[in-house]
Structures are given as C-alpha cells and as structure tokens.
Amino acid sequence: QVQLVESGGGLVQAGGSLRLSCAASGSIVSISTMGWYRQAPGKERELVAAVTSGGSTNYADSVKDRFTISRGSAKNTVYLQMNSLKPEDTAVYYCYLDQRGRLRIWGKGTLVTVSS
C-alpha cells in the first residue's frame, strides 16, 4: 500500500513564500506523475502543478511564474515552491501520485492560508 505524507503548509502573509513537500512510501511500482491539487472553501478541487517521471511539468495558469514543482533525488518526493503568494491561493493542498496501471493515490492534504 502506498502512502503520501505532505508537510509545509501554514499561515503566511501575502507576498510571502512556502514550500510544500510530499513523500511517498510503501509498495511503489512505477511512478508516472506526481503533483498537487488544491481546494478552496466552496470551490472544486483544481490542478495546481504536476511533474512526470521524465521531468515534464504542467502548471495552472493562475500559478505560472510563481510556483515551481520539482522532484526529489529519490524520485518518490515532490516539492512545490510557492512564491508571491496571494490570498486567493488559500486552500487545502493535496499531493497525488499516479502509477502505471494503478489507481491514483492522494495525500490527506495540508492547509495553506495567505493573509492579506
């Protein structure tokens, strides 16, 4: 069984930075993609950023040029560097992992609150 553990959320003022981490453990077969979604109160969950095993990245338009996703050297860890944070970035951020031929795995989420 694969588990994801997120860390790094918290309270920050607008314009500040946070770095989220997500580490996968367990019976990992072959990671194809890892990434982050977020869900703000009253809104649907949306993709924030993703990175493939080959290193290709994808970002939501709302976070381009502010957020950077990267994989750790062990390849089972993903980071989300968030700069120039805005109040509208306030949400619960969920890490996910896709493996070939398996269902998507989700983390429990970490809360990011950006005060104005």
PDB file of N, CA and C in Angstrom:
ATOM      1  N   GLN A   1       0.843  -1.191   0.000  1.00  0.00           N
ATOM      2  CA  GLN A   1       0.000   0.000   0.000  1.00  0.00           C
ATOM      3  C   GLN A   1       0.878   1.240   0.000  1.00  0.00           C
ATOM      4  N   VAL A   2       0.548   2.188  -0.847  1.00  0.00           N
ATOM      5  CA  VAL A   2       1.328   3.418  -0.965  1.00  0.00           C
ATOM      6  C   VAL A   2       0.682   4.511  -0.126  1.00  0.00           C
ATOM      7  N   GLN A   3       1.497   5.247   0.593  1.00  0.00           N
ATOM      8  CA  GLN A   3       1.021   6.381   1.382  1.00  0.00           C
ATOM      9  C   GLN A   3       1.786   7.636   0.994  1.00  0.00           C
ATOM     10  N   LEU A   4       1.085   8.770   1.054  1.00  0.00           N
ATOM     11  CA  LEU A   4       1.684  10.069   0.792  1.00  0.00           C
ATOM     12  C   LEU A   4       1.578  10.912   2.049  1.00  0.00           C
ATOM     13  N   VAL A   5       2.674  11.535   2.418  1.00  0.00           N
ATOM     14  CA  VAL A   5       2.682  12.403   3.595  1.00  0.00           C
ATOM     15  C   VAL A   5       3.119  13.791   3.158  1.00  0.00           C
ATOM     16  N   GLU A   6       2.240  14.757   3.368  1.00  0.00           N
ATOM     17  CA  GLU A   6       2.516  16.145   2.990  1.00  0.00           C
ATOM     18  C   GLU A   6       2.967  16.946   4.206  1.00  0.00           C
ATOM     19  N   SER A   7       3.740  17.974   3.944  1.00  0.00           N
ATOM     20  CA  SER A   7       4.150  18.890   5.000  1.00  0.00           C
ATOM     21  C   SER A   7       4.458  20.245   4.377  1.00  0.00           C
ATOM     22  N   GLY A   8       4.532  21.253   5.237  1.00  0.00           N
ATOM     23  CA  GLY A   8       4.951  22.570   4.778  1.00  0.00           C
ATOM     24  C   GLY A   8       3.867  23.613   4.704  1.00  0.00           C
ATOM     25  N   GLY A   9       2.634  23.241   4.940  1.00  0.00           N
ATOM     26  CA  GLY A   9       1.565  24.233   4.921  1.00  0.00           C
ATOM     27  C   GLY A   9       1.644  25.142   6.131  1.00  0.00           C
ATOM     28  N   GLY A  10       0.832  26.192   6.099  1.00  0.00           N
ATOM     29  CA  GLY A  10       0.813  27.117   7.227  1.00  0.00           C
ATOM     30  C   GLY A  10       0.205  28.441   6.854  1.00  0.00           C
ATOM     31  N   LEU A  11       0.438  29.412   7.732  1.00  0.00           N
ATOM     32  CA  LEU A  11      -0.078  30.759   7.546  1.00  0.00           C
ATOM     33  C   LEU A  11       1.052  31.674   7.094  1.00  0.00           C
ATOM     34  N   VAL A  12       0.787  32.439   6.048  1.00  0.00           N
ATOM     35  CA  VAL A  12       1.797  33.358   5.527  1.00  0.00           C
ATOM     36  C   VAL A  12       1.104  34.623   5.044  1.00  0.00           C
ATOM     37  N   GLN A  13       1.809  35.729   5.087  1.00  0.00           N
ATOM     38  CA  GLN A  13       1.253  36.979   4.575  1.00  0.00           C
ATOM     39  C   GLN A  13       1.353  37.027   3.056  1.00  0.00           C
ATOM     40  N   ALA A  14       0.477  37.785   2.461  1.00  0.00           N
ATOM     41  CA  ALA A  14       0.511  37.964   1.015  1.00  0.00           C
ATOM     42  C   ALA A  14       1.894  38.451   0.589  1.00  0.00           C
ATOM     43  N   GLY A  15       2.381  37.869  -0.501  1.00  0.00           N
ATOM     44  CA  GLY A  15       3.716  38.183  -0.982  1.00  0.00           C
ATOM     45  C   GLY A  15       4.789  37.259  -0.443  1.00  0.00           C
ATOM     46  N   GLY A  16       4.430  36.455   0.542  1.00  0.00           N
ATOM     47  CA  GLY A  16       5.387  35.536   1.137  1.00  0.00           C
ATOM     48  C   GLY A  16       5.530  34.244   0.364  1.00  0.00           C
ATOM     49  N   SER A  17       6.304  33.329   0.944  1.00  0.00           N
ATOM     50  CA  SER A  17       6.606  32.052   0.293  1.00  0.00           C
ATOM     51  C   SER A  17       6.393  30.895   1.253  1.00  0.00           C
ATOM     52  N   LEU A  18       6.079  29.758   0.671  1.00  0.00           N
ATOM     53  CA  LEU A  18       6.001  28.494   1.393  1.00  0.00           C
ATOM     54  C   LEU A  18       6.520  27.397   0.482  1.00  0.00           C
ATOM     55  N   ARG A  19       7.012  26.335   1.086  1.00  0.00           N
ATOM     56  CA  ARG A  19       7.443  25.179   0.321  1.00  0.00           C
ATOM     57  C   ARG A  19       6.731  23.951   0.854  1.00  0.00           C
ATOM     58  N   LEU A  20       5.965  23.312  -0.003  1.00  0.00           N
ATOM     59  CA  LEU A  20       5.272  22.087   0.360  1.00  0.00           C
ATOM     60  C   LEU A  20       6.106  20.883  -0.056  1.00  0.00           C
ATOM     61  N   SER A  21       6.050  19.856   0.780  1.00  0.00           N
ATOM     62  CA  SER A  21       6.748  18.605   0.476  1.00  0.00           C
ATOM     63  C   SER A  21       5.766  17.455   0.533  1.00  0.00           C
ATOM     64  N   CYS A  22       6.028  16.447  -0.262  1.00  0.00           N
ATOM     65  CA  CYS A  22       5.196  15.249  -0.272  1.00  0.00           C
ATOM     66  C   CYS A  22       6.105  14.051  -0.507  1.00  0.00           C
ATOM     67  N   ALA A  23       6.064  13.103   0.427  1.00  0.00           N
ATOM     68  CA  ALA A  23       6.902  11.920   0.328  1.00  0.00           C
ATOM     69  C   ALA A  23       6.027  10.685   0.205  1.00  0.00           C
ATOM     70  N   ALA A  24       6.352   9.848  -0.756  1.00  0.00           N
ATOM     71  CA  ALA A  24       5.618   8.608  -0.976  1.00  0.00           C
ATOM     72  C   ALA A  24       6.387   7.451  -0.355  1.00  0.00           C
ATOM     73  N   SER A  25       5.650   6.539   0.241  1.00  0.00           N
ATOM     74  CA  SER A  25       6.267   5.343   0.814  1.00  0.00           C
ATOM     75  C   SER A  25       5.349   4.152   0.584  1.00  0.00           C
ATOM     76  N   GLY A  26       5.927   2.953   0.718  1.00  0.00           N
ATOM     77  CA  GLY A  26       5.142   1.747   0.528  1.00  0.00           C
ATOM     78  C   GLY A  26       5.518   1.030  -0.759  1.00  0.00           C
ATOM     79  N   SER A  27       4.573   0.264  -1.262  1.00  0.00           N
ATOM     80  CA  SER A  27       4.833  -0.590  -2.428  1.00  0.00           C
ATOM     81  C   SER A  27       4.679   0.208  -3.724  1.00  0.00           C
ATOM     82  N   ILE A  28       5.664   1.037  -3.987  1.00  0.00           N
ATOM     83  CA  ILE A  28       5.650   1.860  -5.191  1.00  0.00           C
ATOM     84  C   ILE A  28       6.193   1.048  -6.358  1.00  0.00           C
ATOM     85  N   VAL A  29       5.410   0.982  -7.427  1.00  0.00           N
ATOM     86  CA  VAL A  29       5.800   0.174  -8.577  1.00  0.00           C
ATOM     87  C   VAL A  29       6.546   1.021  -9.600  1.00  0.00           C
ATOM     88  N   SER A  30       5.839   1.965 -10.162  1.00  0.00           N
ATOM     89  CA  SER A  30       6.438   2.801 -11.203  1.00  0.00           C
ATOM     90  C   SER A  30       5.685   4.119 -11.245  1.00  0.00           C
ATOM     91  N   ILE A  31       6.318   5.154 -10.755  1.00  0.00           N
ATOM     92  CA  ILE A  31       5.664   6.457 -10.695  1.00  0.00           C
ATOM     93  C   ILE A  31       5.667   7.092 -12.087  1.00  0.00           C
ATOM     94  N   SER A  32       4.476   7.493 -12.525  1.00  0.00           N
ATOM     95  CA  SER A  32       4.403   8.193 -13.804  1.00  0.00           C
ATOM     96  C   SER A  32       4.320   9.701 -13.593  1.00  0.00           C
ATOM     97  N   THR A  33       3.511  10.103 -12.628  1.00  0.00           N
ATOM     98  CA  THR A  33       3.318  11.536 -12.377  1.00  0.00           C
ATOM     99  C   THR A  33       3.071  11.767 -10.897  1.00  0.00           C
ATOM    100  N   MET A  34       3.621  12.852 -10.391  1.00  0.00           N
ATOM    101  CA  MET A  34       3.279  13.344  -9.057  1.00  0.00           C
ATOM    102  C   MET A  34       2.902  14.806  -9.192  1.00  0.00           C
ATOM    103  N   GLY A  35       2.041  15.266  -8.299  1.00  0.00           N
ATOM    104  CA  GLY A  35       1.648  16.656  -8.401  1.00  0.00           C
ATOM    105  C   GLY A  35       0.801  17.101  -7.235  1.00  0.00           C
ATOM    106  N   TRP A  36       0.236  18.287  -7.421  1.00  0.00           N
ATOM    107  CA  TRP A  36      -0.567  18.922  -6.383  1.00  0.00           C
ATOM    108  C   TRP A  36      -1.878  19.443  -6.959  1.00  0.00           C
ATOM    109  N   TYR A  37      -2.936  19.194  -6.217  1.00  0.00           N
ATOM    110  CA  TYR A  37      -4.211  19.848  -6.423  1.00  0.00           C
ATOM    111  C   TYR A  37      -4.464  20.739  -5.208  1.00  0.00           C
ATOM    112  N   ARG A  38      -5.429  21.615  -5.342  1.00  0.00           N
ATOM    113  CA  ARG A  38      -5.870  22.397  -4.196  1.00  0.00           C
ATOM    114  C   ARG A  38      -7.387  22.566  -4.235  1.00  0.00           C
ATOM    115  N   GLN A  39      -7.937  22.778  -3.051  1.00  0.00           N
ATOM    116  CA  GLN A  39      -9.364  23.003  -2.954  1.00  0.00           C
ATOM    117  C   GLN A  39      -9.634  24.106  -1.947  1.00  0.00           C
ATOM    118  N   ALA A  40     -10.179  25.193  -2.448  1.00  0.00           N
ATOM    119  CA  ALA A  40     -10.549  26.313  -1.594  1.00  0.00           C
ATOM    120  C   ALA A  40     -11.978  26.118  -1.098  1.00  0.00           C
ATOM    121  N   PRO A  41     -12.334  26.748  -0.003  1.00  0.00           N
ATOM    122  CA  PRO A  41     -13.701  26.601   0.533  1.00  0.00           C
ATOM    123  C   PRO A  41     -14.754  26.951  -0.507  1.00  0.00           C
ATOM    124  N   GLY A  42     -15.697  26.041  -0.702  1.00  0.00           N
ATOM    125  CA  GLY A  42     -16.787  26.290  -1.636  1.00  0.00           C
ATOM    126  C   GLY A  42     -16.431  26.127  -3.095  1.00  0.00           C
ATOM    127  N   LYS A  43     -15.216  25.681  -3.366  1.00  0.00           N
ATOM    128  CA  LYS A  43     -14.787  25.519  -4.758  1.00  0.00           C
ATOM    129  C   LYS A  43     -14.399  24.076  -5.036  1.00  0.00           C
ATOM    130  N   GLU A  44     -14.329  23.752  -6.323  1.00  0.00           N
ATOM    131  CA  GLU A  44     -13.923  22.415  -6.720  1.00  0.00           C
ATOM    132  C   GLU A  44     -12.402  22.272  -6.616  1.00  0.00           C
ATOM    133  N   ARG A  45     -11.978  21.028  -6.479  1.00  0.00           N
ATOM    134  CA  ARG A  45     -10.544  20.758  -6.460  1.00  0.00           C
ATOM    135  C   ARG A  45      -9.970  21.052  -7.846  1.00  0.00           C
ATOM    136  N   GLU A  46      -8.829  21.728  -7.882  1.00  0.00           N
ATOM    137  CA  GLU A  46      -8.207  22.080  -9.158  1.00  0.00           C
ATOM    138  C   GLU A  46      -6.736  21.689  -9.166  1.00  0.00           C
ATOM    139  N   LEU A  47      -6.255  21.348 -10.353  1.00  0.00           N
ATOM    140  CA  LEU A  47      -4.841  21.013 -10.505  1.00  0.00           C
ATOM    141  C   LEU A  47      -4.004  22.275 -10.367  1.00  0.00           C
ATOM    142  N   VAL A  48      -2.955  22.173  -9.563  1.00  0.00           N
ATOM    143  CA  VAL A  48      -2.023  23.278  -9.389  1.00  0.00           C
ATOM    144  C   VAL A  48      -0.778  23.064 -10.248  1.00  0.00           C
ATOM    145  N   ALA A  49      -0.161  21.903 -10.075  1.00  0.00           N
ATOM    146  CA  ALA A  49       1.062  21.614 -10.820  1.00  0.00           C
ATOM    147  C   ALA A  49       1.319  20.117 -10.799  1.00  0.00           C
ATOM    148  N   ALA A  50       2.020  19.643 -11.825  1.00  0.00           N
ATOM    149  CA  ALA A  50       2.346  18.228 -11.911  1.00  0.00           C
ATOM    150  C   ALA A  50       3.699  18.073 -12.590  1.00  0.00           C
ATOM    151  N   VAL A  51       4.364  16.967 -12.270  1.00  0.00           N
ATOM    152  CA  VAL A  51       5.643  16.662 -12.900  1.00  0.00           C
ATOM    153  C   VAL A  51       5.672  15.175 -13.227  1.00  0.00           C
ATOM    154  N   THR A  52       6.088  14.860 -14.450  1.00  0.00           N
ATOM    155  CA  THR A  52       6.148  13.475 -14.874  1.00  0.00           C
ATOM    156  C   THR A  52       7.480  12.847 -14.501  1.00  0.00           C
ATOM    157  N   SER A  53       7.567  11.539 -14.663  1.00  0.00           N
ATOM    158  CA  SER A  53       8.815  10.834 -14.380  1.00  0.00           C
ATOM    159  C   SER A  53       9.925  11.315 -15.303  1.00  0.00           C
ATOM    160  N   GLY A  54       9.546  11.824 -16.463  1.00  0.00           N
ATOM    161  CA  GLY A  54      10.537  12.335 -17.398  1.00  0.00           C
ATOM    162  C   GLY A  54      10.928  13.773 -17.145  1.00  0.00           C
ATOM    163  N   GLY A  55      10.274  14.395 -16.171  1.00  0.00           N
ATOM    164  CA  GLY A  55      10.633  15.760 -15.818  1.00  0.00           C
ATOM    165  C   GLY A  55       9.774  16.840 -16.438  1.00  0.00           C
ATOM    166  N   SER A  56       8.790  16.463 -17.225  1.00  0.00           N
ATOM    167  CA  SER A  56       7.907  17.468 -17.809  1.00  0.00           C
ATOM    168  C   SER A  56       6.983  18.021 -16.734  1.00  0.00           C
ATOM    169  N   THR A  57       6.741  19.317 -16.797  1.00  0.00           N
ATOM    170  CA  THR A  57       5.905  19.965 -15.787  1.00  0.00           C
ATOM    171  C   THR A  57       4.698  20.626 -16.420  1.00  0.00           C
ATOM    172  N   ASN A  58       3.676  20.793 -15.608  1.00  0.00           N
ATOM    173  CA  ASN A  58       2.441  21.419 -16.040  1.00  0.00           C
ATOM    174  C   ASN A  58       1.920  22.264 -14.885  1.00  0.00           C
ATOM    175  N   TYR A  59       1.472  23.483 -15.194  1.00  0.00           N
ATOM    176  CA  TYR A  59       1.003  24.399 -14.162  1.00  0.00           C
ATOM    177  C   TYR A  59      -0.358  24.985 -14.517  1.00  0.00           C
ATOM    178  N   ALA A  60      -1.137  25.267 -13.484  1.00  0.00           N
ATOM    179  CA  ALA A  60      -2.345  26.055 -13.701  1.00  0.00           C
ATOM    180  C   ALA A  60      -1.930  27.470 -14.084  1.00  0.00           C
ATOM    181  N   ASP A  61      -2.711  28.092 -14.932  1.00  0.00           N
ATOM    182  CA  ASP A  61      -2.377  29.451 -15.380  1.00  0.00           C
ATOM    183  C   ASP A  61      -2.250  30.403 -14.199  1.00  0.00           C
ATOM    184  N   SER A  62      -3.046  30.176 -13.165  1.00  0.00           N
ATOM    185  CA  SER A  62      -3.078  31.099 -12.034  1.00  0.00           C
ATOM    186  C   SER A  62      -1.809  31.065 -11.193  1.00  0.00           C
ATOM    187  N   VAL A  63      -0.976  30.031 -11.367  1.00  0.00           N
ATOM    188  CA  VAL A  63       0.231  29.928 -10.544  1.00  0.00           C
ATOM    189  C   VAL A  63       1.518  29.980 -11.357  1.00  0.00           C
ATOM    190  N   LYS A  64       1.392  30.022 -12.664  1.00  0.00           N
ATOM    191  CA  LYS A  64       2.592  30.090 -13.505  1.00  0.00           C
ATOM    192  C   LYS A  64       3.438  31.296 -13.115  1.00  0.00           C
ATOM    193  N   ASP A  65       4.733  31.105 -13.133  1.00  0.00           N
ATOM    194  CA  ASP A  65       5.723  32.139 -12.801  1.00  0.00           C
ATOM    195  C   ASP A  65       5.775  32.452 -11.317  1.00  0.00           C
ATOM    196  N   ARG A  66       4.939  31.797 -10.506  1.00  0.00           N
ATOM    197  CA  ARG A  66       5.002  31.989  -9.049  1.00  0.00           C
ATOM    198  C   ARG A  66       5.333  30.687  -8.323  1.00  0.00           C
ATOM    199  N   PHE A  67       4.832  29.572  -8.843  1.00  0.00           N
ATOM    200  CA  PHE A  67       5.036  28.270  -8.211  1.00  0.00           C
ATOM    201  C   PHE A  67       5.989  27.440  -9.053  1.00  0.00           C
ATOM    202  N   THR A  68       6.779  26.601  -8.378  1.00  0.00           N
ATOM    203  CA  THR A  68       7.677  25.690  -9.071  1.00  0.00           C
ATOM    204  C   THR A  68       7.561  24.307  -8.456  1.00  0.00           C
ATOM    205  N   ILE A  69       7.307  23.323  -9.299  1.00  0.00           N
ATOM    206  CA  ILE A  69       7.236  21.938  -8.843  1.00  0.00           C
ATOM    207  C   ILE A  69       8.529  21.232  -9.194  1.00  0.00           C
ATOM    208  N   SER A  70       8.979  20.352  -8.302  1.00  0.00           N
ATOM    209  CA  SER A  70      10.208  19.617  -8.561  1.00  0.00           C
ATOM    210  C   SER A  70      10.150  18.262  -7.871  1.00  0.00           C
ATOM    211  N   ARG A  71      10.963  17.343  -8.375  1.00  0.00           N
ATOM    212  CA  ARG A  71      11.062  16.011  -7.774  1.00  0.00           C
ATOM    213  C   ARG A  71      12.351  15.924  -6.974  1.00  0.00           C
ATOM    214  N   GLY A  72      12.294  15.167  -5.892  1.00  0.00           N
ATOM    215  CA  GLY A  72      13.490  14.944  -5.112  1.00  0.00           C
ATOM    216  C   GLY A  72      14.416  13.963  -5.797  1.00  0.00           C
ATOM    217  N   SER A  73      15.633  13.873  -5.305  1.00  0.00           N
ATOM    218  CA  SER A  73      16.623  12.982  -5.909  1.00  0.00           C
ATOM    219  C   SER A  73      16.197  11.526  -5.808  1.00  0.00           C
ATOM    220  N   ALA A  74      15.417  11.196  -4.804  1.00  0.00           N
ATOM    221  CA  ALA A  74      14.937   9.827  -4.636  1.00  0.00           C
ATOM    222  C   ALA A  74      13.731   9.541  -5.508  1.00  0.00           C
ATOM    223  N   LYS A  75      13.208  10.539  -6.200  1.00  0.00           N
ATOM    224  CA  LYS A  75      12.108  10.411  -7.159  1.00  0.00           C
ATOM    225  C   LYS A  75      10.774  10.050  -6.533  1.00  0.00           C
ATOM    226  N   ASN A  76      10.739   9.752  -5.231  1.00  0.00           N
ATOM    227  CA  ASN A  76       9.451   9.488  -4.594  1.00  0.00           C
ATOM    228  C   ASN A  76       8.995  10.654  -3.744  1.00  0.00           C
ATOM    229  N   THR A  77       9.631  11.799  -3.957  1.00  0.00           N
ATOM    230  CA  THR A  77       9.292  13.016  -3.233  1.00  0.00           C
ATOM    231  C   THR A  77       9.048  14.133  -4.238  1.00  0.00           C
ATOM    232  N   VAL A  78       8.044  14.941  -3.945  1.00  0.00           N
ATOM    233  CA  VAL A  78       7.756  16.079  -4.804  1.00  0.00           C
ATOM    234  C   VAL A  78       7.621  17.326  -3.939  1.00  0.00           C
ATOM    235  N   TYR A  79       8.090  18.431  -4.479  1.00  0.00           N
ATOM    236  CA  TYR A  79       8.058  19.700  -3.766  1.00  0.00           C
ATOM    237  C   TYR A  79       7.266  20.725  -4.574  1.00  0.00           C
ATOM    238  N   LEU A  80       6.675  21.657  -3.863  1.00  0.00           N
ATOM    239  CA  LEU A  80       6.011  22.775  -4.507  1.00  0.00           C
ATOM    240  C   LEU A  80       6.486  24.051  -3.832  1.00  0.00           C
ATOM    241  N   GLN A  81       7.335  24.789  -4.531  1.00  0.00           N
ATOM    242  CA  GLN A  81       7.809  26.069  -4.043  1.00  0.00           C
ATOM    243  C   GLN A  81       6.812  27.136  -4.469  1.00  0.00           C
ATOM    244  N   MET A  82       6.235  27.817  -3.491  1.00  0.00           N
ATOM    245  CA  MET A  82       5.199  28.808  -3.771  1.00  0.00           C
ATOM    246  C   MET A  82       5.697  30.185  -3.362  1.00  0.00           C
ATOM    247  N   ASN A  83       5.869  31.055  -4.329  1.00  0.00           N
ATOM    248  CA  ASN A  83       6.330  32.415  -4.095  1.00  0.00           C
ATOM    249  C   ASN A  83       5.235  33.415  -4.451  1.00  0.00           C
ATOM    250  N   SER A  84       5.406  34.619  -3.971  1.00  0.00           N
ATOM    251  CA  SER A  84       4.452  35.699  -4.258  1.00  0.00           C
ATOM    252  C   SER A  84       3.014  35.244  -3.992  1.00  0.00           C
ATOM    253  N   LEU A  85       2.823  34.658  -2.848  1.00  0.00           N
ATOM    254  CA  LEU A  85       1.505  34.102  -2.522  1.00  0.00           C
ATOM    255  C   LEU A  85       0.453  35.185  -2.406  1.00  0.00           C
ATOM    256  N   LYS A  86      -0.750  34.812  -2.827  1.00  0.00           N
ATOM    257  CA  LYS A  86      -1.892  35.721  -2.808  1.00  0.00           C
ATOM    258  C   LYS A  86      -2.998  35.128  -1.928  1.00  0.00           C
ATOM    259  N   PRO A  87      -3.875  35.964  -1.405  1.00  0.00           N
ATOM    260  CA  PRO A  87      -4.977  35.423  -0.595  1.00  0.00           C
ATOM    261  C   PRO A  87      -5.794  34.371  -1.339  1.00  0.00           C
ATOM    262  N   GLU A  88      -5.905  34.513  -2.644  1.00  0.00           N
ATOM    263  CA  GLU A  88      -6.664  33.531  -3.421  1.00  0.00           C
ATOM    264  C   GLU A  88      -5.960  32.188  -3.556  1.00  0.00           C
ATOM    265  N   ASP A  89      -4.728  32.097  -3.077  1.00  0.00           N
ATOM    266  CA  ASP A  89      -4.032  30.807  -3.037  1.00  0.00           C
ATOM    267  C   ASP A  89      -4.418  30.005  -1.791  1.00  0.00           C
ATOM    268  N   THR A  90      -5.177  30.608  -0.900  1.00  0.00           N
ATOM    269  CA  THR A  90      -5.615  29.915   0.305  1.00  0.00           C
ATOM    270  C   THR A  90      -6.455  28.703  -0.060  1.00  0.00           C
ATOM    271  N   ALA A  91      -6.042  27.542   0.439  1.00  0.00           N
ATOM    272  CA  ALA A  91      -6.723  26.295   0.101  1.00  0.00           C
ATOM    273  C   ALA A  91      -6.060  25.146   0.858  1.00  0.00           C
ATOM    274  N   VAL A  92      -6.707  24.003   0.796  1.00  0.00           N
ATOM    275  CA  VAL A  92      -6.049  22.764   1.218  1.00  0.00           C
ATOM    276  C   VAL A  92      -5.354  22.201  -0.016  1.00  0.00           C
ATOM    277  N   TYR A  93      -4.088  21.930   0.120  1.00  0.00           N
ATOM    278  CA  TYR A  93      -3.284  21.426  -0.991  1.00  0.00           C
ATOM    279  C   TYR A  93      -3.088  19.914  -0.808  1.00  0.00           C
ATOM    280  N   TYR A  94      -3.419  19.175  -1.873  1.00  0.00           N
ATOM    281  CA  TYR A  94      -3.362  17.716  -1.848  1.00  0.00           C
ATOM    282  C   TYR A  94      -2.293  17.230  -2.823  1.00  0.00           C
ATOM    283  N   CYS A  95      -1.427  16.390  -2.323  1.00  0.00           N
ATOM    284  CA  CYS A  95      -0.442  15.736  -3.165  1.00  0.00           C
ATOM    285  C   CYS A  95      -1.088  14.492  -3.788  1.00  0.00           C
ATOM    286  N   TYR A  96      -0.657  14.148  -5.005  1.00  0.00           N
ATOM    287  CA  TYR A  96      -1.141  12.910  -5.609  1.00  0.00           C
ATOM    288  C   TYR A  96      -0.008  12.212  -6.342  1.00  0.00           C
ATOM    289  N   LEU A  97      -0.232  10.925  -6.558  1.00  0.00           N
ATOM    290  CA  LEU A  97       0.756  10.092  -7.237  1.00  0.00           C
ATOM    291  C   LEU A  97       0.038   9.152  -8.194  1.00  0.00           C
ATOM    292  N   ASP A  98       0.499   9.111  -9.398  1.00  0.00           N
ATOM    293  CA  ASP A  98      -0.012   8.180 -10.407  1.00  0.00           C
ATOM    294  C   ASP A  98       1.042   7.138 -10.707  1.00  0.00           C
ATOM    295  N   GLN A  99       0.616   5.891 -10.679  1.00  0.00           N
ATOM    296  CA  GLN A  99       1.484   4.785 -11.076  1.00  0.00           C
ATOM    297  C   GLN A  99       0.830   4.075 -12.261  1.00  0.00           C
ATOM    298  N   ARG A 100       1.655   3.558 -13.133  1.00  0.00           N
ATOM    299  CA  ARG A 100       1.138   2.880 -14.309  1.00  0.00           C
ATOM    300  C   ARG A 100       0.291   1.677 -13.902  1.00  0.00           C
ATOM    301  N   GLY A 101      -0.951   1.676 -14.361  1.00  0.00           N
ATOM    302  CA  GLY A 101      -1.844   0.556 -14.112  1.00  0.00           C
ATOM    303  C   GLY A 101      -2.483   0.534 -12.737  1.00  0.00           C
ATOM    304  N   ARG A 102      -2.323   1.606 -11.975  1.00  0.00           N
ATOM    305  CA  ARG A 102      -2.882   1.625 -10.634  1.00  0.00           C
ATOM    306  C   ARG A 102      -3.719   2.887 -10.421  1.00  0.00           C
ATOM    307  N   LEU A 103      -4.589   2.809  -9.420  1.00  0.00           N
ATOM    308  CA  LEU A 103      -5.408   3.952  -9.090  1.00  0.00           C
ATOM    309  C   LEU A 103      -4.564   5.077  -8.505  1.00  0.00           C
ATOM    310  N   ARG A 104      -5.036   6.308  -8.716  1.00  0.00           N
ATOM    311  CA  ARG A 104      -4.350   7.471  -8.161  1.00  0.00           C
ATOM    312  C   ARG A 104      -4.362   7.403  -6.634  1.00  0.00           C
ATOM    313  N   ILE A 105      -3.231   7.781  -6.043  1.00  0.00           N
ATOM    314  CA  ILE A 105      -3.096   7.861  -4.594  1.00  0.00           C
ATOM    315  C   ILE A 105      -3.122   9.335  -4.187  1.00  0.00           C
ATOM    316  N   TRP A 106      -3.860   9.629  -3.130  1.00  0.00           N
ATOM    317  CA  TRP A 106      -3.972  11.004  -2.630  1.00  0.00           C
ATOM    318  C   TRP A 106      -3.395  11.113  -1.224  1.00  0.00           C
ATOM    319  N   GLY A 107      -2.804  12.264  -0.950  1.00  0.00           N
ATOM    320  CA  GLY A 107      -2.431  12.580   0.412  1.00  0.00           C
ATOM    321  C   GLY A 107      -3.632  13.137   1.150  1.00  0.00           C
ATOM    322  N   LYS A 108      -3.454  13.377   2.452  1.00  0.00           N
ATOM    323  CA  LYS A 108      -4.561  13.863   3.273  1.00  0.00           C
ATOM    324  C   LYS A 108      -4.748  15.371   3.168  1.00  0.00           C
ATOM    325  N   GLY A 109      -3.753  16.053   2.648  1.00  0.00           N
ATOM    326  CA  GLY A 109      -3.875  17.488   2.447  1.00  0.00           C
ATOM    327  C   GLY A 109      -3.159  18.298   3.509  1.00  0.00           C
ATOM    328  N   THR A 110      -2.724  19.481   3.108  1.00  0.00           N
ATOM    329  CA  THR A 110      -2.102  20.420   4.028  1.00  0.00           C
ATOM    330  C   THR A 110      -2.675  21.804   3.747  1.00  0.00           C
ATOM    331  N   LEU A 111      -3.023  22.524   4.803  1.00  0.00           N
ATOM    332  CA  LEU A 111      -3.696  23.799   4.667  1.00  0.00           C
ATOM    333  C   LEU A 111      -2.700  24.927   4.466  1.00  0.00           C
ATOM    334  N   VAL A 112      -2.950  25.726   3.454  1.00  0.00           N
ATOM    335  CA  VAL A 112      -2.182  26.940   3.198  1.00  0.00           C
ATOM    336  C   VAL A 112      -3.137  28.122   3.339  1.00  0.00           C
ATOM    337  N   THR A 113      -2.785  29.038   4.222  1.00  0.00           N
ATOM    338  CA  THR A 113      -3.601  30.228   4.436  1.00  0.00           C
ATOM    339  C   THR A 113      -2.752  31.454   4.165  1.00  0.00           C
ATOM    340  N   VAL A 114      -3.214  32.303   3.260  1.00  0.00           N
ATOM    341  CA  VAL A 114      -2.492  33.518   2.899  1.00  0.00           C
ATOM    342  C   VAL A 114      -3.323  34.711   3.355  1.00  0.00           C
ATOM    343  N   SER A 115      -2.775  35.471   4.266  1.00  0.00           N
ATOM    344  CA  SER A 115      -3.494  36.632   4.793  1.00  0.00           C
ATOM    345  C   SER A 115      -3.163  37.882   3.982  1.00  0.00           C
ATOM    346  N   SER A 116      -4.148  38.754   3.899  1.00  0.00           N
ATOM    347  CA  SER A 116      -3.948  39.987   3.109  1.00  0.00           C
ATOM    348  C   SER A 116      -3.359  41.099   3.960  1.00  0.00           C
TER     349      SER A 116
END
